[in-house]
C-alpha atoms as a PDB file:
ATOM      1  CA  MET A   1     -13.198   7.804   4.949  1.00  0.00           C
ATOM      2  CA  GLY A   2     -11.413  10.092   2.300  1.00  0.00           C
ATOM      3  CA  LYS A   3     -12.323  10.811  -0.762  1.00  0.00           C
ATOM      4  CA  LYS A   4     -14.503   8.335  -3.180  1.00  0.00           C
ATOM      5  CA  ARG A   5     -12.659   8.174  -6.581  1.00  0.00           C
ATOM      6  CA  SER A   6     -14.094   9.606  -9.987  1.00  0.00           C
ATOM      7  CA  HIS A   7     -13.701   6.852 -12.701  1.00  0.00           C
ATOM      8  CA  PRO A   8     -16.878   6.031 -14.087  1.00  0.00           C
ATOM      9  CA  ILE A   9     -15.452   2.905 -16.329  1.00  0.00           C
ATOM     10  CA  PHE A  10     -13.470   1.931 -14.234  1.00  0.00           C
ATOM     11  CA  ASN A  11     -16.485   2.362 -11.384  1.00  0.00           C
ATOM     12  CA  ALA A  12     -18.781   0.428 -13.783  1.00  0.00           C
ATOM     13  CA  PHE A  13     -16.244  -1.700 -14.824  1.00  0.00           C
ATOM     14  CA  LYS A  14     -16.202  -2.577 -10.873  1.00  0.00           C
ATOM     15  CA  LYS A  15     -20.354  -2.207 -10.238  1.00  0.00           C
ATOM     16  CA  ALA A  16     -20.205  -4.916 -12.957  1.00  0.00           C
ATOM     17  CA  VAL A  17     -17.608  -7.411 -11.955  1.00  0.00           C
ATOM     18  CA  SER A  18     -18.397  -7.202  -8.147  1.00  0.00           C
ATOM     19  CA  ILE A  19     -22.193  -8.869  -8.567  1.00  0.00           C
ATOM     20  CA  PHE A  20     -20.812 -11.698  -9.901  1.00  0.00           C
ATOM     21  CA  PHE A  21     -18.391 -12.292  -6.603  1.00  0.00           C
ATOM     22  CA  LYS A  22     -19.480 -12.906  -2.620  1.00  0.00           C
ATOM     23  CA  ALA A  23     -19.239 -10.076  -0.306  1.00  0.00           C
ATOM     24  CA  PRO A  24     -16.474 -10.446   2.069  1.00  0.00           C
ATOM     25  CA  GLU A  25     -17.852 -10.316   5.916  1.00  0.00           C
ATOM     26  CA  ILE A  26     -16.531  -6.589   6.790  1.00  0.00           C
ATOM     27  CA  LYS A  27     -15.020  -6.622  11.254  1.00  0.00           C
ATOM     28  CA  VAL A  28     -13.811  -3.837  12.496  1.00  0.00           C
ATOM     29  CA  GLU A  29     -11.978  -3.875  15.697  1.00  0.00           C
ATOM     30  CA  GLY A  30     -11.717  -1.008  17.768  1.00  0.00           C
ATOM     31  CA  ALA A  31     -12.673   2.717  16.143  1.00  0.00           C
ATOM     32  CA  ASP A  32     -15.469   2.834  13.145  1.00  0.00           C
ATOM     33  CA  MET A  33     -13.107   3.912   9.940  1.00  0.00           C
ATOM     34  CA  GLY A  34     -14.054   7.163   9.726  1.00  0.00           C
ATOM     35  CA  GLY A  35     -12.045  10.725  10.075  1.00  0.00           C
ATOM     36  CA  GLY A  36      -8.991   8.802   8.636  1.00  0.00           C
ATOM     37  CA  PRO A  37      -6.451   9.169   6.610  1.00  0.00           C
ATOM     38  CA  TYR A  38      -5.312   5.914   7.719  1.00  0.00           C
ATOM     39  CA  MET A  39      -2.338   3.998   6.604  1.00  0.00           C
ATOM     40  CA  TYR A  40      -4.080   0.034   6.146  1.00  0.00           C
ATOM     41  CA  LEU A  41      -1.010  -2.444   5.747  1.00  0.00           C
ATOM     42  CA  ALA A  42      -3.084  -5.842   4.669  1.00  0.00           C
ATOM     43  CA  ASN A  43      -1.733  -9.610   3.263  1.00  0.00           C
ATOM     44  CA  HIS A  44      -1.839 -10.204  -0.636  1.00  0.00           C
ATOM     45  CA  VAL A  45      -4.052 -13.697  -0.569  1.00  0.00           C
ATOM     46  CA  ALA A  46      -1.994 -14.062  -3.899  1.00  0.00           C
ATOM     47  CA  ALA A  47      -4.591 -12.553  -6.607  1.00  0.00           C
ATOM     48  CA  SER A  48      -7.736 -12.075  -3.666  1.00  0.00           C
ATOM     49  CA  GLY A  49      -6.730  -9.798  -1.218  1.00  0.00           C
ATOM     50  CA  PRO A  50      -6.362  -6.716  -3.978  1.00  0.00           C
ATOM     51  CA  PHE A  51      -9.647  -7.935  -6.271  1.00  0.00           C
ATOM     52  CA  LYS A  52     -11.575  -8.123  -2.636  1.00  0.00           C
ATOM     53  CA  TYR A  53     -10.177  -5.260  -1.440  1.00  0.00           C
ATOM     54  CA  ALA A  54     -10.580  -2.535  -3.916  1.00  0.00           C
ATOM     55  CA  LEU A  55     -14.188  -4.580  -4.499  1.00  0.00           C
ATOM     56  CA  PHE A  56     -15.774  -4.208  -1.651  1.00  0.00           C
ATOM     57  CA  PHE A  57     -13.147  -2.465   1.260  1.00  0.00           C
ATOM     58  CA  PRO A  58     -15.549   0.095   2.945  1.00  0.00           C
ATOM     59  CA  CYS A  59     -13.920   2.988   2.442  1.00  0.00           C
ATOM     60  CA  SER A  60     -11.480   4.478  -0.526  1.00  0.00           C
ATOM     61  CA  PHE A  61      -8.014   3.797  -0.691  1.00  0.00           C
ATOM     62  CA  ARG A  62      -4.939   4.194  -3.235  1.00  0.00           C
ATOM     63  CA  PRO A  63      -2.228   1.049  -3.179  1.00  0.00           C
ATOM     64  CA  TRP A  64       1.224   0.164  -3.803  1.00  0.00           C
ATOM     65  CA  GLY A  65       1.784  -1.816  -6.413  1.00  0.00           C
ATOM     66  CA  THR A  66       4.989  -3.183  -8.121  1.00  0.00           C
ATOM     67  CA  HIS A  67       5.989  -0.542 -10.939  1.00  0.00           C
ATOM     68  CA  GLU A  68       6.023  -2.410 -13.408  1.00  0.00           C
ATOM     69  CA  MET A  69       2.538  -3.107 -13.531  1.00  0.00           C
ATOM     70  CA  CYS A  70       2.843   0.482 -14.338  1.00  0.00           C
ATOM     71  CA  GLY A  71       4.446   0.613 -17.541  1.00  0.00           C
ATOM     72  CA  ASN A  72       3.730  -0.377 -21.290  1.00  0.00           C
ATOM     73  CA  TYR A  73       2.222  -3.853 -22.026  1.00  0.00           C
ATOM     74  CA  LYS A  74       4.965  -5.810 -22.833  1.00  0.00           C
ATOM     75  CA  GLU A  75       6.738  -4.835 -18.717  1.00  0.00           C
ATOM     76  CA  ARG A  76       3.184  -5.885 -17.630  1.00  0.00           C
ATOM     77  CA  TRP A  77       2.968  -9.196 -19.263  1.00  0.00           C
ATOM     78  CA  LYS A  78       6.856 -10.110 -18.285  1.00  0.00           C
ATOM     79  CA  TYR A  79       5.914  -9.516 -14.770  1.00  0.00           C
ATOM     80  CA  LEU A  80       2.495 -10.768 -14.751  1.00  0.00           C
ATOM     81  CA  TYR A  81       4.289 -14.075 -16.943  1.00  0.00           C
ATOM     82  CA  HIS A  82       7.287 -14.185 -14.885  1.00  0.00           C
ATOM     83  CA  VAL A  83       7.173 -13.025 -11.195  1.00  0.00           C
ATOM     84  CA  PHE A  84       3.571 -13.616 -10.728  1.00  0.00           C
ATOM     85  CA  TYR A  85       1.946 -16.242 -12.088  1.00  0.00           C
ATOM     86  CA  ILE A  86       5.384 -18.870 -12.198  1.00  0.00           C
ATOM     87  CA  GLN A  87       7.413 -17.657  -9.456  1.00  0.00           C
ATOM     88  CA  LYS A  88       5.113 -16.308  -6.896  1.00  0.00           C
ATOM     89  CA  LYS A  89       1.669 -19.373  -7.899  1.00  0.00           C
ATOM     90  CA  GLY A  90       3.785 -21.554  -8.959  1.00  0.00           C
ATOM     91  CA  TYR A  91       2.407 -22.182 -12.384  1.00  0.00           C
ATOM     92  CA  SER A  92       3.723 -23.419 -15.738  1.00  0.00           C
ATOM     93  CA  LYS A  93       4.853 -21.711 -18.511  1.00  0.00           C
ATOM     94  CA  PHE A  94       1.406 -22.950 -20.400  1.00  0.00           C
ATOM     95  CA  LYS A  95      -0.992 -21.727 -17.743  1.00  0.00           C
ATOM     96  CA  ALA A  96       0.896 -18.639 -16.651  1.00  0.00           C
ATOM     97  CA  PHE A  97       1.321 -18.000 -20.973  1.00  0.00           C
ATOM     98  CA  VAL A  98      -3.125 -17.860 -20.684  1.00  0.00           C
ATOM     99  CA  VAL A  99      -3.507 -16.102 -17.601  1.00  0.00           C
ATOM    100  CA  ALA A 100      -1.266 -13.334 -17.816  1.00  0.00           C
ATOM    101  CA  THR A 101      -1.361 -12.798 -21.547  1.00  0.00           C
ATOM    102  CA  PRO A 102      -5.196 -10.991 -21.507  1.00  0.00           C
ATOM    103  CA  PHE A 103      -4.738  -9.520 -18.033  1.00  0.00           C
ATOM    104  CA  ALA A 104      -1.472  -7.434 -18.617  1.00  0.00           C
ATOM    105  CA  LEU A 105      -4.410  -5.970 -21.685  1.00  0.00           C
ATOM    106  CA  ILE A 106      -6.555  -4.961 -18.637  1.00  0.00           C
ATOM    107  CA  SER A 107      -4.618  -4.400 -16.559  1.00  0.00           C
ATOM    108  CA  ARG A 108      -3.880  -0.804 -17.548  1.00  0.00           C
ATOM    109  CA  LEU A 109      -7.167   0.556 -16.881  1.00  0.00           C
ATOM    110  CA  LEU A 110      -7.207  -1.648 -13.658  1.00  0.00           C
ATOM    111  CA  TYR A 111      -4.702   0.541 -11.649  1.00  0.00           C
ATOM    112  CA  ASN A 112      -5.617   4.126 -13.182  1.00  0.00           C
ATOM    113  CA  GLY A 113      -8.723   2.908 -12.034  1.00  0.00           C
ATOM    114  CA  ILE A 114      -7.684   2.419  -8.419  1.00  0.00           C
ATOM    115  CA  GLU A 115      -4.939   5.157  -8.497  1.00  0.00           C
ATOM    116  CA  LEU A 116      -1.741   3.032  -7.741  1.00  0.00           C
ATOM    117  CA  ILE A 117       1.095   4.749  -6.528  1.00  0.00           C
ATOM    118  CA  PRO A 118       4.147   2.347  -8.147  1.00  0.00           C
ATOM    119  CA  THR A 119       7.148   1.115  -6.006  1.00  0.00           C
ATOM    120  CA  TYR A 120       9.835   1.263  -6.661  1.00  0.00           C
ATOM    121  CA  LYS A 121      13.400  -1.137  -5.109  1.00  0.00           C
ATOM    122  CA  ASP A 122      15.474   1.472  -5.637  1.00  0.00           C
ATOM    123  CA  GLY A 123      16.436   4.858  -5.190  1.00  0.00           C
ATOM    124  CA  ARG A 124      13.112   5.174  -7.056  1.00  0.00           C
ATOM    125  CA  LEU A 125      11.535   5.085  -3.435  1.00  0.00           C
ATOM    126  CA  LYS A 126      11.432   8.833  -2.457  1.00  0.00           C
ATOM    127  CA  LYS A 127       8.760   8.764  -5.412  1.00  0.00           C
ATOM    128  CA  THR A 128       6.546   6.590  -4.113  1.00  0.00           C
ATOM    129  CA  VAL A 129       7.023   8.276  -1.050  1.00  0.00           C
ATOM    130  CA  ARG A 130       6.503  11.925  -2.267  1.00  0.00           C
ATOM    131  CA  LEU A 131       2.959  10.744  -4.270  1.00  0.00           C
ATOM    132  CA  SER A 132       2.261   9.021  -1.076  1.00  0.00           C
ATOM    133  CA  CYS A 133       2.274  12.034   1.234  1.00  0.00           C
ATOM    134  CA  GLU A 134       0.204  14.297  -1.318  1.00  0.00           C
ATOM    135  CA  ALA A 135      -2.090  11.281  -1.207  1.00  0.00           C
ATOM    136  CA  LEU A 136      -2.718  11.293   2.816  1.00  0.00           C
ATOM    137  CA  ARG A 137      -1.907  14.973   3.647  1.00  0.00           C
ATOM    138  CA  SER A 138      -5.245  15.008   0.212  1.00  0.00           C
ATOM    139  CA  GLY A 139      -6.711  12.639   2.929  1.00  0.00           C
ATOM    140  CA  LYS A 140      -6.499   9.475   0.852  1.00  0.00           C
ATOM    141  CA  SER A 141      -6.481   6.604   2.942  1.00  0.00           C
ATOM    142  CA  LEU A 142      -3.242   4.113   1.333  1.00  0.00           C
ATOM    143  CA  LEU A 143      -3.410   0.248   1.311  1.00  0.00           C
ATOM    144  CA  ILE A 144      -0.246  -1.108   1.619  1.00  0.00           C
ATOM    145  CA  PHE A 145       1.067  -5.230   1.133  1.00  0.00           C
ATOM    146  CA  PRO A 146       4.372  -5.365   3.311  1.00  0.00           C
ATOM    147  CA  GLU A 147       5.239  -8.932   2.757  1.00  0.00           C
ATOM    148  CA  ASP A 148       7.711 -10.291   1.404  1.00  0.00           C
ATOM    149  CA  SER A 149       6.030 -13.327  -1.072  1.00  0.00           C
ATOM    150  CA  ASN A 150      10.015 -13.807  -3.225  1.00  0.00           C
ATOM    151  CA  GLU A 151       8.988 -17.755  -2.279  1.00  0.00           C
ATOM    152  CA  GLY A 152       5.142 -16.727  -2.832  1.00  0.00           C
ATOM    153  CA  TYR A 153       2.030 -15.909  -0.609  1.00  0.00           C
ATOM    154  CA  LYS A 154       1.739 -17.499   2.772  1.00  0.00           C
ATOM    155  CA  GLU A 155      -1.829 -17.756   5.328  1.00  0.00           C
ATOM    156  CA  VAL A 156       1.064 -16.782   7.409  1.00  0.00           C
ATOM    157  CA  ILE A 157       3.212 -14.246   7.249  1.00  0.00           C
ATOM    158  CA  GLU A 158       6.940 -14.710   7.689  1.00  0.00           C
ATOM    159  CA  LYS A 159       7.731 -11.524   6.959  1.00  0.00           C
ATOM    160  CA  PHE A 160       7.160  -7.415   6.146  1.00  0.00           C
ATOM    161  CA  PHE A 161       9.948  -5.424   4.109  1.00  0.00           C
ATOM    162  CA  GLY A 162      10.147  -1.694   6.605  1.00  0.00           C
ATOM    163  CA  GLY A 163       8.922   0.388   3.099  1.00  0.00           C
ATOM    164  CA  PHE A 164       6.066   1.926   4.825  1.00  0.00           C
ATOM    165  CA  LEU A 165       7.466   3.073   7.938  1.00  0.00           C
ATOM    166  CA  VAL A 166       9.472   5.872   5.059  1.00  0.00           C
ATOM    167  CA  VAL A 167       6.430   6.985   4.441  1.00  0.00           C
ATOM    168  CA  ALA A 168       5.358   7.264   8.120  1.00  0.00           C
ATOM    169  CA  GLN A 169       8.731   9.161   9.191  1.00  0.00           C
ATOM    170  CA  ARG A 170       8.151  11.431   6.328  1.00  0.00           C
ATOM    171  CA  TYR A 171       4.463  12.194   7.156  1.00  0.00           C
ATOM    172  CA  TYR A 172       4.635  13.399  11.039  1.00  0.00           C
ATOM    173  CA  ALA A 173       8.253  14.966   9.614  1.00  0.00           C
ATOM    174  CA  LEU A 174       5.914  17.051   7.072  1.00  0.00           C
ATOM    175  CA  GLU A 175       2.533  17.288   9.552  1.00  0.00           C
ATOM    176  CA  GLY A 176       4.120  17.090  12.838  1.00  0.00           C
ATOM    177  CA  ARG A 177       1.606  14.239  14.264  1.00  0.00           C
ATOM    178  CA  ASP A 178       1.753  10.408  13.253  1.00  0.00           C
ATOM    179  CA  ILE A 179      -0.199   8.975  10.663  1.00  0.00           C
ATOM    180  CA  PRO A 180      -2.475   6.258  12.480  1.00  0.00           C
ATOM    181  CA  ILE A 181      -2.202   2.918  11.569  1.00  0.00           C
ATOM    182  CA  ARG A 182      -4.185  -0.241  10.625  1.00  0.00           C
ATOM    183  CA  CYS A 183      -3.093  -3.896  10.012  1.00  0.00           C
ATOM    184  CA  VAL A 184      -5.756  -5.604   7.733  1.00  0.00           C
ATOM    185  CA  TYR A 185      -6.258  -9.312   7.331  1.00  0.00           C
ATOM    186  CA  PHE A 186      -7.810 -10.730   4.148  1.00  0.00           C
ATOM    187  CA  SER A 187      -9.461 -14.769   4.827  1.00  0.00           C
ATOM    188  CA  ARG A 188     -10.218 -16.579   1.929  1.00  0.00           C
ATOM    189  CA  VAL A 189     -11.553 -19.079   3.432  1.00  0.00           C
ATOM    190  CA  LYS A 190     -13.846 -17.448   5.725  1.00  0.00           C
ATOM    191  CA  ASN A 191     -14.182 -14.786   2.726  1.00  0.00           C
ATOM    192  CA  VAL A 192     -13.444 -12.078   6.373  1.00  0.00           C
ATOM    193  CA  ILE A 193     -11.513  -9.662   6.054  1.00  0.00           C
ATOM    194  CA  THR A 194     -10.954  -8.294   8.880  1.00  0.00           C
ATOM    195  CA  VAL A 195      -9.435  -4.238   9.987  1.00  0.00           C
ATOM    196  CA  GLY A 196      -7.865  -4.136  13.479  1.00  0.00           C
ATOM    197  CA  GLU A 197      -7.475  -0.857  16.086  1.00  0.00           C
ATOM    198  CA  PRO A 198      -4.910   1.842  15.068  1.00  0.00           C
ATOM    199  CA  ILE A 199      -1.474   2.906  16.675  1.00  0.00           C
ATOM    200  CA  THR A 200       0.218   5.156  15.325  1.00  0.00           C
ATOM    201  CA  LEU A 201       4.046   4.148  14.895  1.00  0.00           C
ATOM    202  CA  SER A 202       5.539   6.179  18.458  1.00  0.00           C
ATOM    203  CA  GLU A 203       2.624   3.829  20.113  1.00  0.00           C
ATOM    204  CA  ALA A 204       4.160   1.007  18.650  1.00  0.00           C
ATOM    205  CA  SER A 205       7.347   2.300  19.778  1.00  0.00           C
ATOM    206  CA  ALA A 206       6.907   2.577  22.735  1.00  0.00           C
ATOM    207  CA  LEU A 207       5.090  -0.604  23.147  1.00  0.00           C
ATOM    208  CA  ILE A 208       8.323  -2.668  21.528  1.00  0.00           C
ATOM    209  CA  GLY A 209      10.775  -0.412  23.352  1.00  0.00           C
ATOM    210  CA  LYS A 210      12.445   0.245  19.908  1.00  0.00           C
ATOM    211  CA  ASP A 211      12.250   2.274  17.097  1.00  0.00           C
ATOM    212  CA  ASP A 212      14.421   0.600  14.394  1.00  0.00           C
ATOM    213  CA  ARG A 213      12.993  -0.143  11.085  1.00  0.00           C
ATOM    214  CA  ASP A 214      13.653  -4.568  11.203  1.00  0.00           C
ATOM    215  CA  ALA A 215      11.476  -4.614  15.157  1.00  0.00           C
ATOM    216  CA  LEU A 216       8.743  -1.958  14.080  1.00  0.00           C
ATOM    217  CA  ALA A 217       8.176  -3.694  10.365  1.00  0.00           C
ATOM    218  CA  ASP A 218       8.045  -6.897  12.884  1.00  0.00           C
ATOM    219  CA  PHE A 219       5.541  -5.095  15.092  1.00  0.00           C
ATOM    220  CA  PHE A 220       3.121  -4.478  13.177  1.00  0.00           C
ATOM    221  CA  ARG A 221       3.499  -8.134  10.985  1.00  0.00           C
ATOM    222  CA  GLN A 222       2.838 -10.083  13.892  1.00  0.00           C
ATOM    223  CA  ARG A 223      -0.620  -7.550  14.451  1.00  0.00           C
ATOM    224  CA  THR A 224      -1.775  -7.986  11.529  1.00  0.00           C
ATOM    225  CA  ASN A 225      -1.217 -11.926  12.324  1.00  0.00           C
ATOM    226  CA  ALA A 226      -3.366 -11.447  14.915  1.00  0.00           C
ATOM    227  CA  LEU A 227      -5.953 -10.932  12.953  1.00  0.00           C
ATOM    228  CA  ALA A 228      -6.741 -14.276  11.249  1.00  0.00           C
END
């Protein structure tokens, strides 16, 4: 399952906050979640998914998140205000300002606590791959949100970006074995987190008869949607 995090302030915050939220039902298909590490591919559900995963997911993990949320206050605020709340969630400017301003303050504590791995859309993706492989090789699982959310978060995911495949391929090159991949779907309406059966990249390629990035990314997208 991976080693438990040792961030006393974050763990205390997590314990206090979880009292006010109903724990989701956890459904696990196939093999249990022991052993590991795994690469988990999850739907985002705006802020609901990462929040519920951080509080109630039954094993520890290091999540991916956009690099802006690892920056200073101004960088975090700009991303939250302009991109997350206005572009992706459709908030008004006033509502986005009211929500982004305090959250940008506490977000540093939260993201440090969950050991966020920053993601990039340029050559710095190499850093994401390196940190991800280091985490996996140390026995920690990854939680990745591959969905294209440029037009908002949708119940049925329409596209997966393929960055996670680069990590899986690099891990194989380093370890000589595939990392098991498990798709995860959080239903906000049902308050259920469903964890799919593990499958490796090699097994996925054999099933669809292709090994190109777009085909594999879409295979895992469909597998995630099927859990709904």
